[in-house]
Every structure is written in C-alpha cells, then in structure tokens.
Amino acid sequence: MDYLEWIPDRIAALRTQKGVSARDMSLSLGQSTSYINKIENRRALPSMTGFLYICEYFGITPREFFDPAEFAPEQGRALLSAFSRLSPSQADHILKLVYDLLSSEETKPGNG
C-alpha cells in the first residue's frame, strides 16, 4: 500500500462521507483553514498527533482508518448498533433485504 497516496485519499473519502468541507474540518481540528486541503492535495502529511485527532474527528480507530474493507466505518458501526436492537424477525427481514440488494447489484450489466 502506498501510504503517501492512501492517507490523503482516505481522509478525503471519509470527509466527503461525513458531508463536511475541508475548511470546516480543519477548523474543527483547531488548525488553519487550509490544513486538510494541504493534506488532501499531497502538500503535507499530518503528524502522528494530527493523525490521531483526525481519527477521533471521524469517530474511528487508526485500524479502521487503514482497513480498506472499512469503506464507511462510522456508518457500519451505526448500522450494527441499530441491527442489534431489532427483534430476530426484524433482523431476518433486514438481512434478506441486504442479500436482495447485493444480489441485484451483482446482476446489473457490467458487474460480472
């Protein structure tokens, strides 16, 4: 994995999922207005402390940050939490819906 490419791209993807601008995220982290923009445009990398604050901002662990299978870790955690509160019957319905969605996605033209 090329971390010099991964880190800026991952921050941009997580920030976009959160629906926040680079400027607002920078200010929320207590940094200059261009802090995140510089990282996303590969002009700077965060310090270790900065990286940990970025993970905290997104509500994820460093492990989740670097896990490519965790496309949307915050949503995944929220979904799992909500799913665990469902009755067994409700959970079964949701699981079937997910399988149906995945199945229809696989059968779309161009998906294999």
PDB file of N, CA and C in Angstrom:
ATOM      1  N   MET A   1       0.849  -1.183   0.000  1.00  0.00           N
ATOM      2  CA  MET A   1       0.000   0.000   0.000  1.00  0.00           C
ATOM      3  C   MET A   1       0.892   1.242   0.000  1.00  0.00           C
ATOM      4  N   ASP A   2       0.598   2.170  -0.859  1.00  0.00           N
ATOM      5  CA  ASP A   2       1.326   3.431  -0.926  1.00  0.00           C
ATOM      6  C   ASP A   2       0.647   4.419   0.017  1.00  0.00           C
ATOM      7  N   TYR A   3       1.195   4.541   1.216  1.00  0.00           N
ATOM      8  CA  TYR A   3       0.579   5.375   2.246  1.00  0.00           C
ATOM      9  C   TYR A   3       0.577   6.856   1.885  1.00  0.00           C
ATOM     10  N   LEU A   4       1.533   7.289   1.068  1.00  0.00           N
ATOM     11  CA  LEU A   4       1.561   8.694   0.659  1.00  0.00           C
ATOM     12  C   LEU A   4       0.362   9.034  -0.227  1.00  0.00           C
ATOM     13  N   GLU A   5      -0.192   8.032  -0.893  1.00  0.00           N
ATOM     14  CA  GLU A   5      -1.418   8.210  -1.681  1.00  0.00           C
ATOM     15  C   GLU A   5      -2.653   7.887  -0.834  1.00  0.00           C
ATOM     16  N   TRP A   6      -2.546   6.819  -0.038  1.00  0.00           N
ATOM     17  CA  TRP A   6      -3.678   6.320   0.736  1.00  0.00           C
ATOM     18  C   TRP A   6      -4.203   7.340   1.739  1.00  0.00           C
ATOM     19  N   ILE A   7      -3.323   7.934   2.508  1.00  0.00           N
ATOM     20  CA  ILE A   7      -3.742   8.830   3.588  1.00  0.00           C
ATOM     21  C   ILE A   7      -4.557  10.012   3.064  1.00  0.00           C
ATOM     22  N   PRO A   8      -4.071  10.771   2.080  1.00  0.00           N
ATOM     23  CA  PRO A   8      -4.890  11.882   1.581  1.00  0.00           C
ATOM     24  C   PRO A   8      -6.219  11.427   0.979  1.00  0.00           C
ATOM     25  N   ASP A   9      -6.180  10.316   0.227  1.00  0.00           N
ATOM     26  CA  ASP A   9      -7.415   9.821  -0.391  1.00  0.00           C
ATOM     27  C   ASP A   9      -8.409   9.344   0.659  1.00  0.00           C
ATOM     28  N   ARG A  10      -7.915   8.681   1.678  1.00  0.00           N
ATOM     29  CA  ARG A  10      -8.789   8.169   2.735  1.00  0.00           C
ATOM     30  C   ARG A  10      -9.429   9.316   3.517  1.00  0.00           C
ATOM     31  N   ILE A  11      -8.632  10.326   3.834  1.00  0.00           N
ATOM     32  CA  ILE A  11      -9.180  11.484   4.553  1.00  0.00           C
ATOM     33  C   ILE A  11     -10.253  12.159   3.709  1.00  0.00           C
ATOM     34  N   ALA A  12      -9.981  12.332   2.424  1.00  0.00           N
ATOM     35  CA  ALA A  12     -10.960  12.969   1.538  1.00  0.00           C
ATOM     36  C   ALA A  12     -12.247  12.154   1.466  1.00  0.00           C
ATOM     37  N   ALA A  13     -12.125  10.836   1.359  1.00  0.00           N
ATOM     38  CA  ALA A  13     -13.311   9.983   1.277  1.00  0.00           C
ATOM     39  C   ALA A  13     -14.124  10.035   2.566  1.00  0.00           C
ATOM     40  N   LEU A  14     -13.465   9.933   3.696  1.00  0.00           N
ATOM     41  CA  LEU A  14     -14.172   9.985   4.980  1.00  0.00           C
ATOM     42  C   LEU A  14     -14.807  11.356   5.216  1.00  0.00           C
ATOM     43  N   ARG A  15     -14.098  12.385   4.823  1.00  0.00           N
ATOM     44  CA  ARG A  15     -14.627  13.748   4.986  1.00  0.00           C
ATOM     45  C   ARG A  15     -15.869  13.945   4.108  1.00  0.00           C
ATOM     46  N   THR A  16     -15.810  13.446   2.886  1.00  0.00           N
ATOM     47  CA  THR A  16     -16.953  13.550   1.975  1.00  0.00           C
ATOM     48  C   THR A  16     -18.150  12.781   2.526  1.00  0.00           C
ATOM     49  N   GLN A  17     -17.899  11.579   3.054  1.00  0.00           N
ATOM     50  CA  GLN A  17     -18.983  10.790   3.656  1.00  0.00           C
ATOM     51  C   GLN A  17     -19.619  11.533   4.820  1.00  0.00           C
ATOM     52  N   LYS A  18     -18.811  12.253   5.559  1.00  0.00           N
ATOM     53  CA  LYS A  18     -19.312  12.998   6.711  1.00  0.00           C
ATOM     54  C   LYS A  18     -20.042  14.265   6.275  1.00  0.00           C
ATOM     55  N   GLY A  19     -19.819  14.676   5.021  1.00  0.00           N
ATOM     56  CA  GLY A  19     -20.500  15.837   4.484  1.00  0.00           C
ATOM     57  C   GLY A  19     -19.986  17.157   5.022  1.00  0.00           C
ATOM     58  N   VAL A  20     -18.688  17.235   5.245  1.00  0.00           N
ATOM     59  CA  VAL A  20     -18.094  18.445   5.801  1.00  0.00           C
ATOM     60  C   VAL A  20     -17.019  18.952   4.840  1.00  0.00           C
ATOM     61  N   SER A  21     -16.843  20.250   4.794  1.00  0.00           N
ATOM     62  CA  SER A  21     -15.822  20.827   3.926  1.00  0.00           C
ATOM     63  C   SER A  21     -14.447  20.671   4.562  1.00  0.00           C
ATOM     64  N   ALA A  22     -13.424  20.751   3.726  1.00  0.00           N
ATOM     65  CA  ALA A  22     -12.049  20.675   4.228  1.00  0.00           C
ATOM     66  C   ALA A  22     -11.781  21.829   5.188  1.00  0.00           C
ATOM     67  N   ARG A  23     -12.320  22.983   4.879  1.00  0.00           N
ATOM     68  CA  ARG A  23     -12.134  24.155   5.738  1.00  0.00           C
ATOM     69  C   ARG A  23     -12.762  23.936   7.113  1.00  0.00           C
ATOM     70  N   ASP A  24     -14.010  23.471   7.122  1.00  0.00           N
ATOM     71  CA  ASP A  24     -14.693  23.249   8.399  1.00  0.00           C
ATOM     72  C   ASP A  24     -14.010  22.166   9.224  1.00  0.00           C
ATOM     73  N   MET A  25     -13.546  21.119   8.550  1.00  0.00           N
ATOM     74  CA  MET A  25     -12.843  20.061   9.277  1.00  0.00           C
ATOM     75  C   MET A  25     -11.552  20.613   9.874  1.00  0.00           C
ATOM     76  N   SER A  26     -10.820  21.398   9.095  1.00  0.00           N
ATOM     77  CA  SER A  26      -9.577  21.995   9.585  1.00  0.00           C
ATOM     78  C   SER A  26      -9.830  22.819  10.841  1.00  0.00           C
ATOM     79  N   LEU A  27     -10.846  23.654  10.786  1.00  0.00           N
ATOM     80  CA  LEU A  27     -11.166  24.499  11.930  1.00  0.00           C
ATOM     81  C   LEU A  27     -11.612  23.672  13.132  1.00  0.00           C
ATOM     82  N   SER A  28     -12.373  22.604  12.889  1.00  0.00           N
ATOM     83  CA  SER A  28     -12.816  21.728  13.984  1.00  0.00           C
ATOM     84  C   SER A  28     -11.631  21.052  14.669  1.00  0.00           C
ATOM     85  N   LEU A  29     -10.565  20.839  13.912  1.00  0.00           N
ATOM     86  CA  LEU A  29      -9.359  20.221  14.470  1.00  0.00           C
ATOM     87  C   LEU A  29      -8.448  21.250  15.130  1.00  0.00           C
ATOM     88  N   GLY A  30      -8.859  22.519  15.091  1.00  0.00           N
ATOM     89  CA  GLY A  30      -8.058  23.565  15.699  1.00  0.00           C
ATOM     90  C   GLY A  30      -6.858  23.964  14.849  1.00  0.00           C
ATOM     91  N   GLN A  31      -6.965  23.754  13.552  1.00  0.00           N
ATOM     92  CA  GLN A  31      -5.864  24.041  12.633  1.00  0.00           C
ATOM     93  C   GLN A  31      -6.220  25.224  11.736  1.00  0.00           C
ATOM     94  N   SER A  32      -5.277  25.615  10.893  1.00  0.00           N
ATOM     95  CA  SER A  32      -5.538  26.678   9.923  1.00  0.00           C
ATOM     96  C   SER A  32      -6.588  26.202   8.927  1.00  0.00           C
ATOM     97  N   THR A  33      -7.217  27.132   8.248  1.00  0.00           N
ATOM     98  CA  THR A  33      -8.308  26.793   7.320  1.00  0.00           C
ATOM     99  C   THR A  33      -7.849  25.900   6.172  1.00  0.00           C
ATOM    100  N   SER A  34      -6.554  25.894   5.859  1.00  0.00           N
ATOM    101  CA  SER A  34      -6.056  25.109   4.724  1.00  0.00           C
ATOM    102  C   SER A  34      -5.402  23.782   5.127  1.00  0.00           C
ATOM    103  N   TYR A  35      -5.458  23.422   6.400  1.00  0.00           N
ATOM    104  CA  TYR A  35      -4.772  22.223   6.909  1.00  0.00           C
ATOM    105  C   TYR A  35      -5.175  20.958   6.151  1.00  0.00           C
ATOM    106  N   ILE A  36      -6.454  20.652   6.095  1.00  0.00           N
ATOM    107  CA  ILE A  36      -6.917  19.430   5.442  1.00  0.00           C
ATOM    108  C   ILE A  36      -6.713  19.521   3.935  1.00  0.00           C
ATOM    109  N   ASN A  37      -6.925  20.695   3.368  1.00  0.00           N
ATOM    110  CA  ASN A  37      -6.705  20.886   1.941  1.00  0.00           C
ATOM    111  C   ASN A  37      -5.262  20.552   1.562  1.00  0.00           C
ATOM    112  N   LYS A  38      -4.309  20.973   2.372  1.00  0.00           N
ATOM    113  CA  LYS A  38      -2.897  20.677   2.105  1.00  0.00           C
ATOM    114  C   LYS A  38      -2.629  19.178   2.164  1.00  0.00           C
ATOM    115  N   ILE A  39      -3.265  18.500   3.101  1.00  0.00           N
ATOM    116  CA  ILE A  39      -3.088  17.044   3.211  1.00  0.00           C
ATOM    117  C   ILE A  39      -3.704  16.358   1.997  1.00  0.00           C
ATOM    118  N   GLU A  40      -4.953  16.720   1.674  1.00  0.00           N
ATOM    119  CA  GLU A  40      -5.646  16.071   0.562  1.00  0.00           C
ATOM    120  C   GLU A  40      -4.981  16.348  -0.787  1.00  0.00           C
ATOM    121  N   ASN A  41      -4.290  17.470  -0.904  1.00  0.00           N
ATOM    122  CA  ASN A  41      -3.590  17.807  -2.145  1.00  0.00           C
ATOM    123  C   ASN A  41      -2.117  17.401  -2.114  1.00  0.00           C
ATOM    124  N   ARG A  42      -1.772  16.574  -1.130  1.00  0.00           N
ATOM    125  CA  ARG A  42      -0.447  15.961  -1.020  1.00  0.00           C
ATOM    126  C   ARG A  42       0.692  16.972  -0.863  1.00  0.00           C
ATOM    127  N   ARG A  43       0.383  18.093  -0.242  1.00  0.00           N
ATOM    128  CA  ARG A  43       1.425  19.077   0.035  1.00  0.00           C
ATOM    129  C   ARG A  43       1.941  18.928   1.464  1.00  0.00           C
ATOM    130  N   ALA A  44       1.252  18.107   2.275  1.00  0.00           N
ATOM    131  CA  ALA A  44       1.656  17.879   3.668  1.00  0.00           C
ATOM    132  C   ALA A  44       1.052  16.561   4.135  1.00  0.00           C
ATOM    133  N   LEU A  45       1.620  16.027   5.186  1.00  0.00           N
ATOM    134  CA  LEU A  45       1.055  14.869   5.875  1.00  0.00           C
ATOM    135  C   LEU A  45       0.823  15.272   7.320  1.00  0.00           C
ATOM    136  N   PRO A  46      -0.190  14.700   7.961  1.00  0.00           N
ATOM    137  CA  PRO A  46      -0.408  15.044   9.364  1.00  0.00           C
ATOM    138  C   PRO A  46       0.675  14.423  10.244  1.00  0.00           C
ATOM    139  N   SER A  47       0.956  15.067  11.349  1.00  0.00           N
ATOM    140  CA  SER A  47       1.837  14.463  12.349  1.00  0.00           C
ATOM    141  C   SER A  47       1.095  13.281  12.960  1.00  0.00           C
ATOM    142  N   MET A  48       1.776  12.508  13.760  1.00  0.00           N
ATOM    143  CA  MET A  48       1.107  11.386  14.430  1.00  0.00           C
ATOM    144  C   MET A  48      -0.031  11.899  15.304  1.00  0.00           C
ATOM    145  N   THR A  49       0.222  12.972  16.040  1.00  0.00           N
ATOM    146  CA  THR A  49      -0.827  13.561  16.879  1.00  0.00           C
ATOM    147  C   THR A  49      -1.971  14.051  16.006  1.00  0.00           C
ATOM    148  N   GLY A  50      -1.640  14.713  14.908  1.00  0.00           N
ATOM    149  CA  GLY A  50      -2.668  15.186  13.983  1.00  0.00           C
ATOM    150  C   GLY A  50      -3.487  14.044  13.418  1.00  0.00           C
ATOM    151  N   PHE A  51      -2.809  12.950  13.069  1.00  0.00           N
ATOM    152  CA  PHE A  51      -3.500  11.770  12.549  1.00  0.00           C
ATOM    153  C   PHE A  51      -4.481  11.209  13.579  1.00  0.00           C
ATOM    154  N   LEU A  52      -4.048  11.136  14.830  1.00  0.00           N
ATOM    155  CA  LEU A  52      -4.931  10.613  15.880  1.00  0.00           C
ATOM    156  C   LEU A  52      -6.138  11.525  16.081  1.00  0.00           C
ATOM    157  N   TYR A  53      -5.930  12.838  15.992  1.00  0.00           N
ATOM    158  CA  TYR A  53      -7.058  13.767  16.082  1.00  0.00           C
ATOM    159  C   TYR A  53      -8.000  13.612  14.892  1.00  0.00           C
ATOM    160  N   ILE A  54      -7.443  13.339  13.720  1.00  0.00           N
ATOM    161  CA  ILE A  54      -8.281  13.115  12.534  1.00  0.00           C
ATOM    162  C   ILE A  54      -9.139  11.867  12.733  1.00  0.00           C
ATOM    163  N   CYS A  55      -8.539  10.799  13.238  1.00  0.00           N
ATOM    164  CA  CYS A  55      -9.309   9.574  13.508  1.00  0.00           C
ATOM    165  C   CYS A  55     -10.415   9.860  14.525  1.00  0.00           C
ATOM    166  N   GLU A  56     -10.073  10.587  15.570  1.00  0.00           N
ATOM    167  CA  GLU A  56     -11.059  10.944  16.592  1.00  0.00           C
ATOM    168  C   GLU A  56     -12.189  11.777  15.975  1.00  0.00           C
ATOM    169  N   TYR A  57     -11.851  12.686  15.090  1.00  0.00           N
ATOM    170  CA  TYR A  57     -12.845  13.523  14.420  1.00  0.00           C
ATOM    171  C   TYR A  57     -13.847  12.663  13.658  1.00  0.00           C
ATOM    172  N   PHE A  58     -13.342  11.616  12.985  1.00  0.00           N
ATOM    173  CA  PHE A  58     -14.216  10.730  12.220  1.00  0.00           C
ATOM    174  C   PHE A  58     -14.882   9.664  13.091  1.00  0.00           C
ATOM    175  N   GLY A  59     -14.482   9.568  14.344  1.00  0.00           N
ATOM    176  CA  GLY A  59     -15.065   8.566  15.232  1.00  0.00           C
ATOM    177  C   GLY A  59     -14.619   7.158  14.891  1.00  0.00           C
ATOM    178  N   ILE A  60     -13.383   7.025  14.421  1.00  0.00           N
ATOM    179  CA  ILE A  60     -12.859   5.713  14.037  1.00  0.00           C
ATOM    180  C   ILE A  60     -11.504   5.486  14.711  1.00  0.00           C
ATOM    181  N   THR A  61     -11.085   4.235  14.707  1.00  0.00           N
ATOM    182  CA  THR A  61      -9.774   3.884  15.242  1.00  0.00           C
ATOM    183  C   THR A  61      -8.738   3.980  14.117  1.00  0.00           C
ATOM    184  N   PRO A  62      -7.459   4.084  14.462  1.00  0.00           N
ATOM    185  CA  PRO A  62      -6.430   4.043  13.409  1.00  0.00           C
ATOM    186  C   PRO A  62      -6.520   2.763  12.575  1.00  0.00           C
ATOM    187  N   ARG A  63      -6.853   1.657  13.213  1.00  0.00           N
ATOM    188  CA  ARG A  63      -7.008   0.397  12.469  1.00  0.00           C
ATOM    189  C   ARG A  63      -8.102   0.523  11.419  1.00  0.00           C
ATOM    190  N   GLU A  64      -9.231   1.106  11.792  1.00  0.00           N
ATOM    191  CA  GLU A  64     -10.320   1.287  10.834  1.00  0.00           C
ATOM    192  C   GLU A  64      -9.912   2.243   9.711  1.00  0.00           C
ATOM    193  N   PHE A  65      -9.113   3.234  10.041  1.00  0.00           N
ATOM    194  CA  PHE A  65      -8.643   4.176   9.023  1.00  0.00           C
ATOM    195  C   PHE A  65      -7.871   3.439   7.932  1.00  0.00           C
ATOM    196  N   PHE A  66      -6.993   2.512   8.333  1.00  0.00           N
ATOM    197  CA  PHE A  66      -6.132   1.830   7.375  1.00  0.00           C
ATOM    198  C   PHE A  66      -6.728   0.547   6.802  1.00  0.00           C
ATOM    199  N   ASP A  67      -7.928   0.184   7.192  1.00  0.00           N
ATOM    200  CA  ASP A  67      -8.556  -1.037   6.696  1.00  0.00           C
ATOM    201  C   ASP A  67      -9.354  -0.726   5.435  1.00  0.00           C
ATOM    202  N   PRO A  68      -8.875  -1.171   4.260  1.00  0.00           N
ATOM    203  CA  PRO A  68      -9.589  -0.852   3.024  1.00  0.00           C
ATOM    204  C   PRO A  68     -10.983  -1.462   2.946  1.00  0.00           C
ATOM    205  N   ALA A  69     -11.240  -2.497   3.739  1.00  0.00           N
ATOM    206  CA  ALA A  69     -12.574  -3.099   3.750  1.00  0.00           C
ATOM    207  C   ALA A  69     -13.572  -2.231   4.501  1.00  0.00           C
ATOM    208  N   GLU A  70     -13.081  -1.309   5.307  1.00  0.00           N
ATOM    209  CA  GLU A  70     -13.942  -0.409   6.081  1.00  0.00           C
ATOM    210  C   GLU A  70     -14.205   0.851   5.261  1.00  0.00           C
ATOM    211  N   PHE A  71     -15.067   0.720   4.250  1.00  0.00           N
ATOM    212  CA  PHE A  71     -15.341   1.866   3.386  1.00  0.00           C
ATOM    213  C   PHE A  71     -15.995   2.997   4.158  1.00  0.00           C
ATOM    214  N   ALA A  72     -16.937   2.636   5.000  1.00  0.00           N
ATOM    215  CA  ALA A  72     -17.662   3.638   5.789  1.00  0.00           C
ATOM    216  C   ALA A  72     -17.761   3.157   7.232  1.00  0.00           C
ATOM    217  N   PRO A  73     -16.672   3.214   7.979  1.00  0.00           N
ATOM    218  CA  PRO A  73     -16.661   2.633   9.323  1.00  0.00           C
ATOM    219  C   PRO A  73     -17.682   3.237  10.272  1.00  0.00           C
ATOM    220  N   GLU A  74     -17.916   4.526  10.184  1.00  0.00           N
ATOM    221  CA  GLU A  74     -18.875   5.163  11.090  1.00  0.00           C
ATOM    222  C   GLU A  74     -20.293   4.662  10.808  1.00  0.00           C
ATOM    223  N   GLN A  75     -20.654   4.560   9.524  1.00  0.00           N
ATOM    224  CA  GLN A  75     -21.976   4.047   9.170  1.00  0.00           C
ATOM    225  C   GLN A  75     -22.100   2.568   9.511  1.00  0.00           C
ATOM    226  N   GLY A  76     -21.027   1.820   9.313  1.00  0.00           N
ATOM    227  CA  GLY A  76     -21.054   0.394   9.632  1.00  0.00           C
ATOM    228  C   GLY A  76     -21.299   0.152  11.109  1.00  0.00           C
ATOM    229  N   ARG A  77     -20.631   0.950  11.939  1.00  0.00           N
ATOM    230  CA  ARG A  77     -20.822   0.823  13.384  1.00  0.00           C
ATOM    231  C   ARG A  77     -22.247   1.201  13.772  1.00  0.00           C
ATOM    232  N   ALA A  78     -22.776   2.258  13.172  1.00  0.00           N
ATOM    233  CA  ALA A  78     -24.148   2.692  13.469  1.00  0.00           C
ATOM    234  C   ALA A  78     -25.155   1.630  13.012  1.00  0.00           C
ATOM    235  N   LEU A  79     -24.912   1.052  11.842  1.00  0.00           N
ATOM    236  CA  LEU A  79     -25.801   0.015  11.325  1.00  0.00           C
ATOM    237  C   LEU A  79     -25.793  -1.216  12.231  1.00  0.00           C
ATOM    238  N   LEU A  80     -24.617  -1.625  12.652  1.00  0.00           N
ATOM    239  CA  LEU A  80     -24.505  -2.779  13.545  1.00  0.00           C
ATOM    240  C   LEU A  80     -25.209  -2.513  14.874  1.00  0.00           C
ATOM    241  N   SER A  81     -25.058  -1.320  15.395  1.00  0.00           N
ATOM    242  CA  SER A  81     -25.713  -0.959  16.651  1.00  0.00           C
ATOM    243  C   SER A  81     -27.233  -1.009  16.505  1.00  0.00           C
ATOM    244  N   ALA A  82     -27.741  -0.435  15.435  1.00  0.00           N
ATOM    245  CA  ALA A  82     -29.198  -0.438  15.201  1.00  0.00           C
ATOM    246  C   ALA A  82     -29.690  -1.866  14.958  1.00  0.00           C
ATOM    247  N   PHE A  83     -28.945  -2.634  14.182  1.00  0.00           N
ATOM    248  CA  PHE A  83     -29.327  -4.004  13.859  1.00  0.00           C
ATOM    249  C   PHE A  83     -29.430  -4.857  15.117  1.00  0.00           C
ATOM    250  N   SER A  84     -28.532  -4.631  16.068  1.00  0.00           N
ATOM    251  CA  SER A  84     -28.523  -5.444  17.287  1.00  0.00           C
ATOM    252  C   SER A  84     -29.739  -5.177  18.175  1.00  0.00           C
ATOM    253  N   ARG A  85     -30.435  -4.091  17.936  1.00  0.00           N
ATOM    254  CA  ARG A  85     -31.625  -3.768  18.737  1.00  0.00           C
ATOM    255  C   ARG A  85     -32.918  -4.291  18.116  1.00  0.00           C
ATOM    256  N   LEU A  86     -32.822  -4.907  16.949  1.00  0.00           N
ATOM    257  CA  LEU A  86     -34.005  -5.436  16.282  1.00  0.00           C
ATOM    258  C   LEU A  86     -34.396  -6.796  16.866  1.00  0.00           C
ATOM    259  N   SER A  87     -35.665  -7.131  16.709  1.00  0.00           N
ATOM    260  CA  SER A  87     -36.114  -8.476  17.094  1.00  0.00           C
ATOM    261  C   SER A  87     -35.535  -9.461  16.082  1.00  0.00           C
ATOM    262  N   PRO A  88     -35.491 -10.752  16.428  1.00  0.00           N
ATOM    263  CA  PRO A  88     -34.976 -11.737  15.476  1.00  0.00           C
ATOM    264  C   PRO A  88     -35.735 -11.707  14.139  1.00  0.00           C
ATOM    265  N   SER A  89     -37.046 -11.517  14.187  1.00  0.00           N
ATOM    266  CA  SER A  89     -37.836 -11.454  12.963  1.00  0.00           C
ATOM    267  C   SER A  89     -37.471 -10.223  12.129  1.00  0.00           C
ATOM    268  N   GLN A  90     -37.325  -9.068  12.790  1.00  0.00           N
ATOM    269  CA  GLN A  90     -36.951  -7.846  12.081  1.00  0.00           C
ATOM    270  C   GLN A  90     -35.547  -7.975  11.481  1.00  0.00           C
ATOM    271  N   ALA A  91     -34.635  -8.556  12.261  1.00  0.00           N
ATOM    272  CA  ALA A  91     -33.270  -8.739  11.789  1.00  0.00           C
ATOM    273  C   ALA A  91     -33.246  -9.637  10.554  1.00  0.00           C
ATOM    274  N   ASP A  92     -34.076 -10.671  10.556  1.00  0.00           N
ATOM    275  CA  ASP A  92     -34.159 -11.573   9.411  1.00  0.00           C
ATOM    276  C   ASP A  92     -34.643 -10.824   8.169  1.00  0.00           C
ATOM    277  N   HIS A  93     -35.628  -9.944   8.335  1.00  0.00           N
ATOM    278  CA  HIS A  93     -36.136  -9.155   7.196  1.00  0.00           C
ATOM    279  C   HIS A  93     -35.045  -8.230   6.643  1.00  0.00           C
ATOM    280  N   ILE A  94     -34.327  -7.590   7.519  1.00  0.00           N
ATOM    281  CA  ILE A  94     -33.264  -6.684   7.087  1.00  0.00           C
ATOM    282  C   ILE A  94     -32.162  -7.460   6.373  1.00  0.00           C
ATOM    283  N   LEU A  95     -31.795  -8.602   6.917  1.00  0.00           N
ATOM    284  CA  LEU A  95     -30.758  -9.419   6.300  1.00  0.00           C
ATOM    285  C   LEU A  95     -31.176  -9.871   4.903  1.00  0.00           C
ATOM    286  N   LYS A  96     -32.429 -10.266   4.748  1.00  0.00           N
ATOM    287  CA  LYS A  96     -32.926 -10.666   3.421  1.00  0.00           C
ATOM    288  C   LYS A  96     -32.889  -9.479   2.455  1.00  0.00           C
ATOM    289  N   LEU A  97     -33.245  -8.305   2.948  1.00  0.00           N
ATOM    290  CA  LEU A  97     -33.203  -7.106   2.110  1.00  0.00           C
ATOM    291  C   LEU A  97     -31.774  -6.826   1.653  1.00  0.00           C
ATOM    292  N   VAL A  98     -30.816  -6.944   2.558  1.00  0.00           N
ATOM    293  CA  VAL A  98     -29.411  -6.722   2.209  1.00  0.00           C
ATOM    294  C   VAL A  98     -28.971  -7.723   1.150  1.00  0.00           C
ATOM    295  N   TYR A  99     -29.325  -8.998   1.341  1.00  0.00           N
ATOM    296  CA  TYR A  99     -28.957 -10.009   0.347  1.00  0.00           C
ATOM    297  C   TYR A  99     -29.609  -9.714  -0.999  1.00  0.00           C
ATOM    298  N   ASP A 100     -30.860  -9.273  -0.983  1.00  0.00           N
ATOM    299  CA  ASP A 100     -31.535  -8.902  -2.234  1.00  0.00           C
ATOM    300  C   ASP A 100     -30.821  -7.744  -2.920  1.00  0.00           C
ATOM    301  N   LEU A 101     -30.423  -6.734  -2.146  1.00  0.00           N
ATOM    302  CA  LEU A 101     -29.708  -5.588  -2.715  1.00  0.00           C
ATOM    303  C   LEU A 101     -28.377  -6.021  -3.316  1.00  0.00           C
ATOM    304  N   LEU A 102     -27.654  -6.858  -2.593  1.00  0.00           N
ATOM    305  CA  LEU A 102     -26.373  -7.338  -3.102  1.00  0.00           C
ATOM    306  C   LEU A 102     -26.562  -8.190  -4.350  1.00  0.00           C
ATOM    307  N   SER A 103     -27.579  -9.016  -4.359  1.00  0.00           N
ATOM    308  CA  SER A 103     -27.862  -9.878  -5.499  1.00  0.00           C
ATOM    309  C   SER A 103     -28.227  -9.054  -6.727  1.00  0.00           C
ATOM    310  N   SER A 104     -29.075  -8.041  -6.555  1.00  0.00           N
ATOM    311  CA  SER A 104     -29.470  -7.213  -7.700  1.00  0.00           C
ATOM    312  C   SER A 104     -28.296  -6.392  -8.201  1.00  0.00           C
ATOM    313  N   GLU A 105     -27.395  -6.005  -7.314  1.00  0.00           N
ATOM    314  CA  GLU A 105     -26.203  -5.242  -7.707  1.00  0.00           C
ATOM    315  C   GLU A 105     -25.269  -6.109  -8.540  1.00  0.00           C
ATOM    316  N   GLU A 106     -25.165  -7.383  -8.194  1.00  0.00           N
ATOM    317  CA  GLU A 106     -24.280  -8.307  -8.918  1.00  0.00           C
ATOM    318  C   GLU A 106     -24.829  -8.648 -10.293  1.00  0.00           C
ATOM    319  N   THR A 107     -26.134  -8.571 -10.477  1.00  0.00           N
ATOM    320  CA  THR A 107     -26.725  -8.938 -11.751  1.00  0.00           C
ATOM    321  C   THR A 107     -26.893  -7.756 -12.700  1.00  0.00           C
ATOM    322  N   LYS A 108     -26.514  -6.561 -12.262  1.00  0.00           N
ATOM    323  CA  LYS A 108     -26.569  -5.392 -13.156  1.00  0.00           C
ATOM    324  C   LYS A 108     -25.555  -5.566 -14.260  1.00  0.00           C
ATOM    325  N   PRO A 109     -25.872  -5.068 -15.455  1.00  0.00           N
ATOM    326  CA  PRO A 109     -24.905  -5.154 -16.564  1.00  0.00           C
ATOM    327  C   PRO A 109     -23.586  -4.482 -16.172  1.00  0.00           C
ATOM    328  N   GLY A 110     -22.501  -5.154 -16.529  1.00  0.00           N
ATOM    329  CA  GLY A 110     -21.185  -4.599 -16.247  1.00  0.00           C
ATOM    330  C   GLY A 110     -20.617  -4.997 -14.901  1.00  0.00           C
ATOM    331  N   ASN A 111     -21.381  -5.785 -14.126  1.00  0.00           N
ATOM    332  CA  ASN A 111     -20.896  -6.220 -12.803  1.00  0.00           C
ATOM    333  C   ASN A 111     -20.522  -7.691 -12.777  1.00  0.00           C
ATOM    334  N   GLY A 112     -20.038  -8.191 -13.843  1.00  0.00           N
ATOM    335  CA  GLY A 112     -19.530  -9.545 -13.812  1.00  0.00           C
ATOM    336  C   GLY A 112     -20.512 -10.507 -14.301  1.00  0.00           C
TER     337      GLY A 112
END
